[in-house]
Amino acid sequence: MSPALMGTLFVAPRDLDAVVAEVDPVVEEEEEVMEAAEEDALSVGR
């Protein structure tokens, strides 16, 4: 295997972690917004 390919293999997991770290808070925030919207809809229906 070429050294260049080895380099990409070792770099990839760290890059992936960085991407996940950036995306995770956004996803959690959207879930909270959705839950709040559902609760609002339920309270209006009562």
PDB file of N, CA and C in Angstrom:
ATOM      1  N   MET A   1       0.856  -1.197   0.000  1.00  0.00           N
ATOM      2  CA  MET A   1       0.000   0.000   0.000  1.00  0.00           C
ATOM      3  C   MET A   1       0.892   1.247   0.000  1.00  0.00           C
ATOM      4  N   SER A   2       0.549   2.223  -0.771  1.00  0.00           N
ATOM      5  CA  SER A   2       1.394   3.409  -0.873  1.00  0.00           C
ATOM      6  C   SER A   2       1.308   4.247   0.406  1.00  0.00           C
ATOM      7  N   PRO A   3       2.379   4.957   0.732  1.00  0.00           N
ATOM      8  CA  PRO A   3       2.360   5.805   1.937  1.00  0.00           C
ATOM      9  C   PRO A   3       1.243   6.847   1.891  1.00  0.00           C
ATOM     10  N   ALA A   4       0.947   7.358   0.705  1.00  0.00           N
ATOM     11  CA  ALA A   4      -0.110   8.369   0.594  1.00  0.00           C
ATOM     12  C   ALA A   4      -1.455   7.790   1.024  1.00  0.00           C
ATOM     13  N   LEU A   5      -1.709   6.558   0.603  1.00  0.00           N
ATOM     14  CA  LEU A   5      -2.959   5.907   0.969  1.00  0.00           C
ATOM     15  C   LEU A   5      -3.011   5.639   2.467  1.00  0.00           C
ATOM     16  N   MET A   6      -1.869   5.204   3.026  1.00  0.00           N
ATOM     17  CA  MET A   6      -1.789   4.971   4.468  1.00  0.00           C
ATOM     18  C   MET A   6      -2.130   6.257   5.215  1.00  0.00           C
ATOM     19  N   GLY A   7      -1.608   7.375   4.710  1.00  0.00           N
ATOM     20  CA  GLY A   7      -1.866   8.666   5.349  1.00  0.00           C
ATOM     21  C   GLY A   7      -3.349   8.987   5.399  1.00  0.00           C
ATOM     22  N   THR A   8      -4.049   8.744   4.300  1.00  0.00           N
ATOM     23  CA  THR A   8      -5.478   9.057   4.280  1.00  0.00           C
ATOM     24  C   THR A   8      -6.237   8.157   5.247  1.00  0.00           C
ATOM     25  N   LEU A   9      -5.784   6.918   5.381  1.00  0.00           N
ATOM     26  CA  LEU A   9      -6.463   6.001   6.298  1.00  0.00           C
ATOM     27  C   LEU A   9      -6.334   6.472   7.738  1.00  0.00           C
ATOM     28  N   PHE A  10      -5.147   7.003   8.082  1.00  0.00           N
ATOM     29  CA  PHE A  10      -4.952   7.432   9.462  1.00  0.00           C
ATOM     30  C   PHE A  10      -5.631   8.767   9.738  1.00  0.00           C
ATOM     31  N   VAL A  11      -5.771   9.589   8.710  1.00  0.00           N
ATOM     32  CA  VAL A  11      -6.378  10.910   8.893  1.00  0.00           C
ATOM     33  C   VAL A  11      -7.905  10.806   8.935  1.00  0.00           C
ATOM     34  N   ALA A  12      -8.454   9.895   8.180  1.00  0.00           N
ATOM     35  CA  ALA A  12      -9.905   9.818   8.018  1.00  0.00           C
ATOM     36  C   ALA A  12     -10.684   9.734   9.338  1.00  0.00           C
ATOM     37  N   PRO A  13     -10.306   8.854  10.267  1.00  0.00           N
ATOM     38  CA  PRO A  13     -11.102   8.766  11.499  1.00  0.00           C
ATOM     39  C   PRO A  13     -11.150  10.079  12.268  1.00  0.00           C
ATOM     40  N   ARG A  14     -10.020  10.791  12.305  1.00  0.00           N
ATOM     41  CA  ARG A  14     -10.020  12.066  13.028  1.00  0.00           C
ATOM     42  C   ARG A  14     -10.909  13.082  12.319  1.00  0.00           C
ATOM     43  N   ASP A  15     -10.857  13.101  10.996  1.00  0.00           N
ATOM     44  CA  ASP A  15     -11.719  14.006  10.244  1.00  0.00           C
ATOM     45  C   ASP A  15     -13.179  13.676  10.508  1.00  0.00           C
ATOM     46  N   LEU A  16     -13.483  12.389  10.546  1.00  0.00           N
ATOM     47  CA  LEU A  16     -14.853  11.958  10.780  1.00  0.00           C
ATOM     48  C   LEU A  16     -15.324  12.418  12.156  1.00  0.00           C
ATOM     49  N   ASP A  17     -14.464  12.270  13.168  1.00  0.00           N
ATOM     50  CA  ASP A  17     -14.816  12.729  14.516  1.00  0.00           C
ATOM     51  C   ASP A  17     -15.101  14.225  14.514  1.00  0.00           C
ATOM     52  N   ALA A  18     -14.298  14.980  13.783  1.00  0.00           N
ATOM     53  CA  ALA A  18     -14.490  16.426  13.726  1.00  0.00           C
ATOM     54  C   ALA A  18     -15.832  16.762  13.088  1.00  0.00           C
ATOM     55  N   VAL A  19     -16.172  16.048  12.033  1.00  0.00           N
ATOM     56  CA  VAL A  19     -17.453  16.280  11.357  1.00  0.00           C
ATOM     57  C   VAL A  19     -18.607  15.937  12.295  1.00  0.00           C
ATOM     58  N   VAL A  20     -18.502  14.792  12.972  1.00  0.00           N
ATOM     59  CA  VAL A  20     -19.554  14.380  13.904  1.00  0.00           C
ATOM     60  C   VAL A  20     -19.689  15.399  15.030  1.00  0.00           C
ATOM     61  N   ALA A  21     -18.572  15.900  15.532  1.00  0.00           N
ATOM     62  CA  ALA A  21     -18.597  16.882  16.616  1.00  0.00           C
ATOM     63  C   ALA A  21     -19.303  18.163  16.176  1.00  0.00           C
ATOM     64  N   GLU A  22     -19.153  18.525  14.908  1.00  0.00           N
ATOM     65  CA  GLU A  22     -19.812  19.734  14.409  1.00  0.00           C
ATOM     66  C   GLU A  22     -21.295  19.499  14.160  1.00  0.00           C
ATOM     67  N   VAL A  23     -21.644  18.312  13.690  1.00  0.00           N
ATOM     68  CA  VAL A  23     -23.029  18.031  13.299  1.00  0.00           C
ATOM     69  C   VAL A  23     -23.893  17.679  14.507  1.00  0.00           C
ATOM     70  N   ASP A  24     -23.327  16.976  15.487  1.00  0.00           N
ATOM     71  CA  ASP A  24     -24.079  16.496  16.643  1.00  0.00           C
ATOM     72  C   ASP A  24     -24.900  17.575  17.351  1.00  0.00           C
ATOM     73  N   PRO A  25     -24.294  18.691  17.767  1.00  0.00           N
ATOM     74  CA  PRO A  25     -25.075  19.716  18.480  1.00  0.00           C
ATOM     75  C   PRO A  25     -26.229  20.250  17.643  1.00  0.00           C
ATOM     76  N   VAL A  26     -26.022  20.359  16.345  1.00  0.00           N
ATOM     77  CA  VAL A  26     -27.078  20.860  15.459  1.00  0.00           C
ATOM     78  C   VAL A  26     -28.254  19.895  15.456  1.00  0.00           C
ATOM     79  N   VAL A  27     -27.963  18.602  15.355  1.00  0.00           N
ATOM     80  CA  VAL A  27     -29.016  17.589  15.335  1.00  0.00           C
ATOM     81  C   VAL A  27     -29.775  17.598  16.654  1.00  0.00           C
ATOM     82  N   GLU A  28     -29.064  17.679  17.777  1.00  0.00           N
ATOM     83  CA  GLU A  28     -29.718  17.693  19.084  1.00  0.00           C
ATOM     84  C   GLU A  28     -30.614  18.913  19.209  1.00  0.00           C
ATOM     85  N   GLU A  29     -30.139  20.057  18.722  1.00  0.00           N
ATOM     86  CA  GLU A  29     -30.915  21.287  18.795  1.00  0.00           C
ATOM     87  C   GLU A  29     -32.207  21.142  17.990  1.00  0.00           C
ATOM     88  N   GLU A  30     -32.104  20.560  16.800  1.00  0.00           N
ATOM     89  CA  GLU A  30     -33.288  20.365  15.966  1.00  0.00           C
ATOM     90  C   GLU A  30     -34.279  19.437  16.648  1.00  0.00           C
ATOM     91  N   GLU A  31     -33.775  18.381  17.330  1.00  0.00           N
ATOM     92  CA  GLU A  31     -34.662  17.455  18.029  1.00  0.00           C
ATOM     93  C   GLU A  31     -35.410  18.183  19.140  1.00  0.00           C
ATOM     94  N   GLU A  32     -34.717  19.063  19.871  1.00  0.00           N
ATOM     95  CA  GLU A  32     -35.358  19.818  20.944  1.00  0.00           C
ATOM     96  C   GLU A  32     -36.440  20.727  20.374  1.00  0.00           C
ATOM     97  N   VAL A  33     -36.152  21.358  19.255  1.00  0.00           N
ATOM     98  CA  VAL A  33     -37.134  22.243  18.620  1.00  0.00           C
ATOM     99  C   VAL A  33     -38.363  21.442  18.202  1.00  0.00           C
ATOM    100  N   MET A  34     -38.136  20.258  17.623  1.00  0.00           N
ATOM    101  CA  MET A  34     -39.250  19.411  17.197  1.00  0.00           C
ATOM    102  C   MET A  34     -40.092  18.986  18.394  1.00  0.00           C
ATOM    103  N   GLU A  35     -39.429  18.597  19.502  1.00  0.00           N
ATOM    104  CA  GLU A  35     -40.162  18.178  20.695  1.00  0.00           C
ATOM    105  C   GLU A  35     -40.999  19.334  21.236  1.00  0.00           C
ATOM    106  N   ALA A  36     -40.423  20.524  21.267  1.00  0.00           N
ATOM    107  CA  ALA A  36     -41.148  21.689  21.756  1.00  0.00           C
ATOM    108  C   ALA A  36     -42.358  21.966  20.865  1.00  0.00           C
ATOM    109  N   ALA A  37     -42.186  21.831  19.563  1.00  0.00           N
ATOM    110  CA  ALA A  37     -43.287  22.059  18.627  1.00  0.00           C
ATOM    111  C   ALA A  37     -44.390  21.027  18.839  1.00  0.00           C
ATOM    112  N   GLU A  38     -44.004  19.768  19.087  1.00  0.00           N
ATOM    113  CA  GLU A  38     -45.003  18.725  19.337  1.00  0.00           C
ATOM    114  C   GLU A  38     -45.779  19.028  20.613  1.00  0.00           C
ATOM    115  N   GLU A  39     -45.072  19.452  21.655  1.00  0.00           N
ATOM    116  CA  GLU A  39     -45.735  19.769  22.918  1.00  0.00           C
ATOM    117  C   GLU A  39     -46.697  20.933  22.726  1.00  0.00           C
ATOM    118  N   ASP A  40     -46.288  21.944  21.976  1.00  0.00           N
ATOM    119  CA  ASP A  40     -47.169  23.077  21.696  1.00  0.00           C
ATOM    120  C   ASP A  40     -48.421  22.601  20.968  1.00  0.00           C
ATOM    121  N   ALA A  41     -48.242  21.737  19.981  1.00  0.00           N
ATOM    122  CA  ALA A  41     -49.375  21.230  19.207  1.00  0.00           C
ATOM    123  C   ALA A  41     -50.318  20.439  20.106  1.00  0.00           C
ATOM    124  N   LEU A  42     -49.765  19.652  21.008  1.00  0.00           N
ATOM    125  CA  LEU A  42     -50.595  18.856  21.917  1.00  0.00           C
ATOM    126  C   LEU A  42     -51.363  19.765  22.871  1.00  0.00           C
ATOM    127  N   SER A  43     -50.701  20.799  23.391  1.00  0.00           N
ATOM    128  CA  SER A  43     -51.369  21.673  24.355  1.00  0.00           C
ATOM    129  C   SER A  43     -52.477  22.472  23.670  1.00  0.00           C
ATOM    130  N   VAL A  44     -52.309  22.785  22.396  1.00  0.00           N
ATOM    131  CA  VAL A  44     -53.346  23.505  21.653  1.00  0.00           C
ATOM    132  C   VAL A  44     -54.550  22.587  21.435  1.00  0.00           C
ATOM    133  N   GLY A  45     -54.284  21.307  21.227  1.00  0.00           N
ATOM    134  CA  GLY A  45     -55.362  20.350  20.963  1.00  0.00           C
ATOM    135  C   GLY A  45     -56.225  20.057  22.180  1.00  0.00           C
ATOM    136  N   ARG A  46     -55.714  20.349  23.372  1.00  0.00           N
ATOM    137  CA  ARG A  46     -56.488  20.044  24.591  1.00  0.00           C
ATOM    138  C   ARG A  46     -57.593  21.043  24.833  1.00  0.00           C
TER     139      ARG A  46
END
